[in-house]
């Protein structure tokens, strides 16, 4: 299996397949890549949301 770097996500497709299999989820390499990409996008959006909340709180406290 090919190791894919998901932009500093520090998890290989093989590692993700093992983790999913331990939880009873059997997926192919391609399916695993899609799952990892989805999780990355969720995490990225969550981080942006948290940054916006912090900025909003800072703006409110400055007034």
PDB file of N, CA and C in Angstrom:
ATOM      1  N   UNK A   1       0.832  -1.195   0.000  1.00  0.00           N
ATOM      2  CA  UNK A   1       0.000   0.000   0.000  1.00  0.00           C
ATOM      3  C   UNK A   1       0.868   1.247   0.000  1.00  0.00           C
ATOM      4  N   UNK A   2       0.405   2.256  -0.671  1.00  0.00           N
ATOM      5  CA  UNK A   2       1.105   3.531  -0.771  1.00  0.00           C
ATOM      6  C   UNK A   2       0.796   4.395   0.446  1.00  0.00           C
ATOM      7  N   UNK A   3       1.833   5.028   1.007  1.00  0.00           N
ATOM      8  CA  UNK A   3       1.622   5.950   2.121  1.00  0.00           C
ATOM      9  C   UNK A   3       1.309   7.319   1.557  1.00  0.00           C
ATOM     10  N   UNK A   4       0.197   7.885   1.950  1.00  0.00           N
ATOM     11  CA  UNK A   4      -0.222   9.186   1.460  1.00  0.00           C
ATOM     12  C   UNK A   4      -0.139  10.197   2.586  1.00  0.00           C
ATOM     13  N   UNK A   5       0.478  11.327   2.315  1.00  0.00           N
ATOM     14  CA  UNK A   5       0.538  12.400   3.298  1.00  0.00           C
ATOM     15  C   UNK A   5      -0.646  13.322   3.071  1.00  0.00           C
ATOM     16  N   UNK A   6      -1.496  13.445   4.040  1.00  0.00           N
ATOM     17  CA  UNK A   6      -2.661  14.306   3.933  1.00  0.00           C
ATOM     18  C   UNK A   6      -2.355  15.656   4.580  1.00  0.00           C
ATOM     19  N   UNK A   7      -1.378  16.368   3.986  1.00  0.00           N
ATOM     20  CA  UNK A   7      -0.993  17.711   4.419  1.00  0.00           C
ATOM     21  C   UNK A   7      -0.797  17.769   5.930  1.00  0.00           C
ATOM     22  N   UNK A   8       0.245  17.115   6.373  1.00  0.00           N
ATOM     23  CA  UNK A   8       0.645  17.120   7.783  1.00  0.00           C
ATOM     24  C   UNK A   8      -0.405  16.525   8.718  1.00  0.00           C
ATOM     25  N   UNK A   9      -1.171  15.613   8.239  1.00  0.00           N
ATOM     26  CA  UNK A   9      -2.204  15.004   9.083  1.00  0.00           C
ATOM     27  C   UNK A   9      -1.640  13.865   9.920  1.00  0.00           C
ATOM     28  N   UNK A  10      -0.443  13.424   9.566  1.00  0.00           N
ATOM     29  CA  UNK A  10       0.286  12.429  10.352  1.00  0.00           C
ATOM     30  C   UNK A  10      -0.422  11.087  10.508  1.00  0.00           C
ATOM     31  N   UNK A  11      -1.207  10.699   9.552  1.00  0.00           N
ATOM     32  CA  UNK A  11      -1.797   9.367   9.578  1.00  0.00           C
ATOM     33  C   UNK A  11      -1.776   8.819   8.149  1.00  0.00           C
ATOM     34  N   UNK A  12      -1.308   7.614   8.031  1.00  0.00           N
ATOM     35  CA  UNK A  12      -1.260   6.993   6.715  1.00  0.00           C
ATOM     36  C   UNK A  12      -2.580   6.289   6.431  1.00  0.00           C
ATOM     37  N   UNK A  13      -2.780   5.985   5.174  1.00  0.00           N
ATOM     38  CA  UNK A  13      -3.976   5.237   4.787  1.00  0.00           C
ATOM     39  C   UNK A  13      -3.985   3.890   5.509  1.00  0.00           C
ATOM     40  N   UNK A  14      -2.815   3.270   5.607  1.00  0.00           N
ATOM     41  CA  UNK A  14      -2.722   1.969   6.273  1.00  0.00           C
ATOM     42  C   UNK A  14      -3.138   2.069   7.749  1.00  0.00           C
ATOM     43  N   UNK A  15      -2.686   3.125   8.417  1.00  0.00           N
ATOM     44  CA  UNK A  15      -3.056   3.312   9.825  1.00  0.00           C
ATOM     45  C   UNK A  15      -4.558   3.520   9.967  1.00  0.00           C
ATOM     46  N   UNK A  16      -5.121   4.303   9.073  1.00  0.00           N
ATOM     47  CA  UNK A  16      -6.560   4.562   9.130  1.00  0.00           C
ATOM     48  C   UNK A  16      -7.351   3.282   8.874  1.00  0.00           C
ATOM     49  N   UNK A  17      -6.899   2.460   7.923  1.00  0.00           N
ATOM     50  CA  UNK A  17      -7.582   1.191   7.637  1.00  0.00           C
ATOM     51  C   UNK A  17      -7.567   0.305   8.873  1.00  0.00           C
ATOM     52  N   UNK A  18      -6.442   0.260   9.563  1.00  0.00           N
ATOM     53  CA  UNK A  18      -6.330  -0.563  10.779  1.00  0.00           C
ATOM     54  C   UNK A  18      -7.281  -0.057  11.859  1.00  0.00           C
ATOM     55  N   UNK A  19      -7.300   1.253  12.059  1.00  0.00           N
ATOM     56  CA  UNK A  19      -8.187   1.836  13.075  1.00  0.00           C
ATOM     57  C   UNK A  19      -9.642   1.548  12.741  1.00  0.00           C
ATOM     58  N   UNK A  20     -10.013   1.734  11.492  1.00  0.00           N
ATOM     59  CA  UNK A  20     -11.393   1.467  11.081  1.00  0.00           C
ATOM     60  C   UNK A  20     -11.735  -0.013  11.239  1.00  0.00           C
ATOM     61  N   UNK A  21     -10.812  -0.898  10.853  1.00  0.00           N
ATOM     62  CA  UNK A  21     -11.055  -2.342  10.955  1.00  0.00           C
ATOM     63  C   UNK A  21     -11.251  -2.765  12.410  1.00  0.00           C
ATOM     64  N   UNK A  22     -10.508  -2.157  13.319  1.00  0.00           N
ATOM     65  CA  UNK A  22     -10.660  -2.470  14.749  1.00  0.00           C
ATOM     66  C   UNK A  22     -12.049  -2.115  15.246  1.00  0.00           C
ATOM     67  N   UNK A  23     -12.705  -1.208  14.528  1.00  0.00           N
ATOM     68  CA  UNK A  23     -14.060  -0.789  14.887  1.00  0.00           C
ATOM     69  C   UNK A  23     -15.115  -1.416  13.977  1.00  0.00           C
ATOM     70  N   UNK A  24     -14.714  -2.469  13.275  1.00  0.00           N
ATOM     71  CA  UNK A  24     -15.659  -3.229  12.462  1.00  0.00           C
ATOM     72  C   UNK A  24     -16.004  -2.592  11.131  1.00  0.00           C
ATOM     73  N   UNK A  25     -15.186  -1.640  10.668  1.00  0.00           N
ATOM     74  CA  UNK A  25     -15.454  -0.958   9.412  1.00  0.00           C
ATOM     75  C   UNK A  25     -14.389  -1.374   8.406  1.00  0.00           C
ATOM     76  N   UNK A  26     -14.794  -2.117   7.390  1.00  0.00           N
ATOM     77  CA  UNK A  26     -13.866  -2.590   6.373  1.00  0.00           C
ATOM     78  C   UNK A  26     -14.004  -1.729   5.129  1.00  0.00           C
ATOM     79  N   UNK A  27     -12.899  -1.076   4.745  1.00  0.00           N
ATOM     80  CA  UNK A  27     -12.926  -0.157   3.606  1.00  0.00           C
ATOM     81  C   UNK A  27     -11.690  -0.367   2.735  1.00  0.00           C
ATOM     82  N   UNK A  28     -11.798   0.074   1.505  1.00  0.00           N
ATOM     83  CA  UNK A  28     -10.675   0.000   0.563  1.00  0.00           C
ATOM     84  C   UNK A  28      -9.762   1.209   0.761  1.00  0.00           C
ATOM     85  N   UNK A  29      -8.629   1.203   0.069  1.00  0.00           N
ATOM     86  CA  UNK A  29      -7.708   2.338   0.116  1.00  0.00           C
ATOM     87  C   UNK A  29      -8.406   3.628  -0.326  1.00  0.00           C
ATOM     88  N   UNK A  30      -9.118   3.549  -1.434  1.00  0.00           N
ATOM     89  CA  UNK A  30      -9.789   4.742  -1.960  1.00  0.00           C
ATOM     90  C   UNK A  30     -10.848   5.265  -0.993  1.00  0.00           C
ATOM     91  N   UNK A  31     -11.614   4.373  -0.404  1.00  0.00           N
ATOM     92  CA  UNK A  31     -12.631   4.784   0.560  1.00  0.00           C
ATOM     93  C   UNK A  31     -11.980   5.417   1.786  1.00  0.00           C
ATOM     94  N   UNK A  32     -10.853   4.856   2.206  1.00  0.00           N
ATOM     95  CA  UNK A  32     -10.142   5.386   3.365  1.00  0.00           C
ATOM     96  C   UNK A  32      -9.626   6.786   3.078  1.00  0.00           C
ATOM     97  N   UNK A  33      -9.117   7.004   1.886  1.00  0.00           N
ATOM     98  CA  UNK A  33      -8.634   8.337   1.515  1.00  0.00           C
ATOM     99  C   UNK A  33      -9.766   9.355   1.572  1.00  0.00           C
ATOM    100  N   UNK A  34     -10.940   8.969   1.121  1.00  0.00           N
ATOM    101  CA  UNK A  34     -12.102   9.865   1.160  1.00  0.00           C
ATOM    102  C   UNK A  34     -12.483  10.174   2.607  1.00  0.00           C
ATOM    103  N   UNK A  35     -12.487   9.162   3.442  1.00  0.00           N
ATOM    104  CA  UNK A  35     -12.812   9.350   4.860  1.00  0.00           C
ATOM    105  C   UNK A  35     -11.807  10.297   5.511  1.00  0.00           C
ATOM    106  N   UNK A  36     -10.513  10.082   5.252  1.00  0.00           N
ATOM    107  CA  UNK A  36      -9.485  10.953   5.826  1.00  0.00           C
ATOM    108  C   UNK A  36      -9.642  12.393   5.342  1.00  0.00           C
ATOM    109  N   UNK A  37      -9.942  12.555   4.066  1.00  0.00           N
ATOM    110  CA  UNK A  37     -10.136  13.902   3.529  1.00  0.00           C
ATOM    111  C   UNK A  37     -11.330  14.582   4.186  1.00  0.00           C
ATOM    112  N   UNK A  38     -12.420  13.850   4.370  1.00  0.00           N
ATOM    113  CA  UNK A  38     -13.597  14.400   5.034  1.00  0.00           C
ATOM    114  C   UNK A  38     -13.265  14.817   6.462  1.00  0.00           C
ATOM    115  N   UNK A  39     -12.584  13.959   7.190  1.00  0.00           N
ATOM    116  CA  UNK A  39     -12.221  14.283   8.565  1.00  0.00           C
ATOM    117  C   UNK A  39     -11.301  15.494   8.628  1.00  0.00           C
ATOM    118  N   UNK A  40     -10.378  15.590   7.661  1.00  0.00           N
ATOM    119  CA  UNK A  40      -9.491  16.739   7.601  1.00  0.00           C
ATOM    120  C   UNK A  40     -10.297  18.025   7.377  1.00  0.00           C
ATOM    121  N   UNK A  41     -11.237  17.997   6.443  1.00  0.00           N
ATOM    122  CA  UNK A  41     -12.045  19.180   6.171  1.00  0.00           C
ATOM    123  C   UNK A  41     -12.880  19.585   7.386  1.00  0.00           C
ATOM    124  N   UNK A  42     -13.420  18.608   8.089  1.00  0.00           N
ATOM    125  CA  UNK A  42     -14.195  18.902   9.300  1.00  0.00           C
ATOM    126  C   UNK A  42     -13.302  19.566  10.337  1.00  0.00           C
ATOM    127  N   UNK A  43     -12.116  19.003  10.552  1.00  0.00           N
ATOM    128  CA  UNK A  43     -11.184  19.564  11.526  1.00  0.00           C
ATOM    129  C   UNK A  43     -10.762  20.975  11.131  1.00  0.00           C
ATOM    130  N   UNK A  44     -10.492  21.186   9.850  1.00  0.00           N
ATOM    131  CA  UNK A  44     -10.073  22.492   9.356  1.00  0.00           C
ATOM    132  C   UNK A  44     -11.178  23.525   9.580  1.00  0.00           C
ATOM    133  N   UNK A  45     -12.427  23.154   9.277  1.00  0.00           N
ATOM    134  CA  UNK A  45     -13.556  24.066   9.474  1.00  0.00           C
ATOM    135  C   UNK A  45     -13.804  24.332  10.947  1.00  0.00           C
ATOM    136  N   UNK A  46     -13.615  23.317  11.788  1.00  0.00           N
ATOM    137  CA  UNK A  46     -13.784  23.494  13.226  1.00  0.00           C
ATOM    138  C   UNK A  46     -12.754  24.486  13.756  1.00  0.00           C
ATOM    139  N   UNK A  47     -11.525  24.367  13.290  1.00  0.00           N
ATOM    140  CA  UNK A  47     -10.462  25.277  13.720  1.00  0.00           C
ATOM    141  C   UNK A  47     -10.795  26.703  13.311  1.00  0.00           C
ATOM    142  N   UNK A  48     -11.264  26.887  12.078  1.00  0.00           N
ATOM    143  CA  UNK A  48     -11.639  28.224  11.617  1.00  0.00           C
ATOM    144  C   UNK A  48     -12.776  28.789  12.459  1.00  0.00           C
ATOM    145  N   UNK A  49     -13.737  27.947  12.806  1.00  0.00           N
ATOM    146  CA  UNK A  49     -14.869  28.376  13.626  1.00  0.00           C
ATOM    147  C   UNK A  49     -14.391  28.826  14.999  1.00  0.00           C
ATOM    148  N   UNK A  50     -13.489  28.067  15.591  1.00  0.00           N
ATOM    149  CA  UNK A  50     -12.950  28.434  16.901  1.00  0.00           C
ATOM    150  C   UNK A  50     -12.176  29.745  16.823  1.00  0.00           C
ATOM    151  N   UNK A  51     -11.414  29.929  15.747  1.00  0.00           N
ATOM    152  CA  UNK A  51     -10.661  31.181  15.564  1.00  0.00           C
ATOM    153  C   UNK A  51     -11.611  32.364  15.441  1.00  0.00           C
ATOM    154  N   UNK A  52     -12.730  32.190  14.726  1.00  0.00           N
ATOM    155  CA  UNK A  52     -13.717  33.266  14.594  1.00  0.00           C
ATOM    156  C   UNK A  52     -14.347  33.598  15.938  1.00  0.00           C
ATOM    157  N   UNK A  53     -14.644  32.570  16.737  1.00  0.00           N
ATOM    158  CA  UNK A  53     -15.234  32.803  18.057  1.00  0.00           C
ATOM    159  C   UNK A  53     -14.281  33.586  18.941  1.00  0.00           C
ATOM    160  N   UNK A  54     -13.002  33.216  18.912  1.00  0.00           N
ATOM    161  CA  UNK A  54     -12.000  33.920  19.711  1.00  0.00           C
ATOM    162  C   UNK A  54     -11.900  35.368  19.263  1.00  0.00           C
ATOM    163  N   UNK A  55     -11.894  35.599  17.946  1.00  0.00           N
ATOM    164  CA  UNK A  55     -11.829  36.958  17.411  1.00  0.00           C
ATOM    165  C   UNK A  55     -13.057  37.762  17.824  1.00  0.00           C
ATOM    166  N   UNK A  56     -14.232  37.150  17.764  1.00  0.00           N
ATOM    167  CA  UNK A  56     -15.463  37.843  18.165  1.00  0.00           C
ATOM    168  C   UNK A  56     -15.425  38.203  19.641  1.00  0.00           C
ATOM    169  N   UNK A  57     -14.964  37.302  20.473  1.00  0.00           N
ATOM    170  CA  UNK A  57     -14.882  37.586  21.905  1.00  0.00           C
ATOM    171  C   UNK A  57     -13.904  38.720  22.160  1.00  0.00           C
ATOM    172  N   UNK A  58     -12.796  38.711  21.447  1.00  0.00           N
ATOM    173  CA  UNK A  58     -11.798  39.766  21.600  1.00  0.00           C
ATOM    174  C   UNK A  58     -12.379  41.106  21.184  1.00  0.00           C
ATOM    175  N   UNK A  59     -13.104  41.129  20.066  1.00  0.00           N
ATOM    176  CA  UNK A  59     -13.725  42.375  19.594  1.00  0.00           C
ATOM    177  C   UNK A  59     -14.747  42.902  20.590  1.00  0.00           C
ATOM    178  N   UNK A  60     -15.531  42.004  21.168  1.00  0.00           N
ATOM    179  CA  UNK A  60     -16.544  42.407  22.144  1.00  0.00           C
ATOM    180  C   UNK A  60     -15.880  42.967  23.405  1.00  0.00           C
ATOM    181  N   UNK A  61     -14.814  42.322  23.842  1.00  0.00           N
ATOM    182  CA  UNK A  61     -14.141  42.783  25.068  1.00  0.00           C
ATOM    183  C   UNK A  61     -13.389  44.091  24.857  1.00  0.00           C
ATOM    184  N   UNK A  62     -13.043  44.404  23.605  1.00  0.00           N
ATOM    185  CA  UNK A  62     -12.349  45.666  23.304  1.00  0.00           C
ATOM    186  C   UNK A  62     -13.303  46.864  23.266  1.00  0.00           C
ATOM    187  N   UNK A  63     -14.610  46.603  23.219  1.00  0.00           N
ATOM    188  CA  UNK A  63     -15.562  47.725  23.126  1.00  0.00           C
ATOM    189  C   UNK A  63     -15.998  48.196  24.469  1.00  0.00           C
TER     190      UNK A  63
END
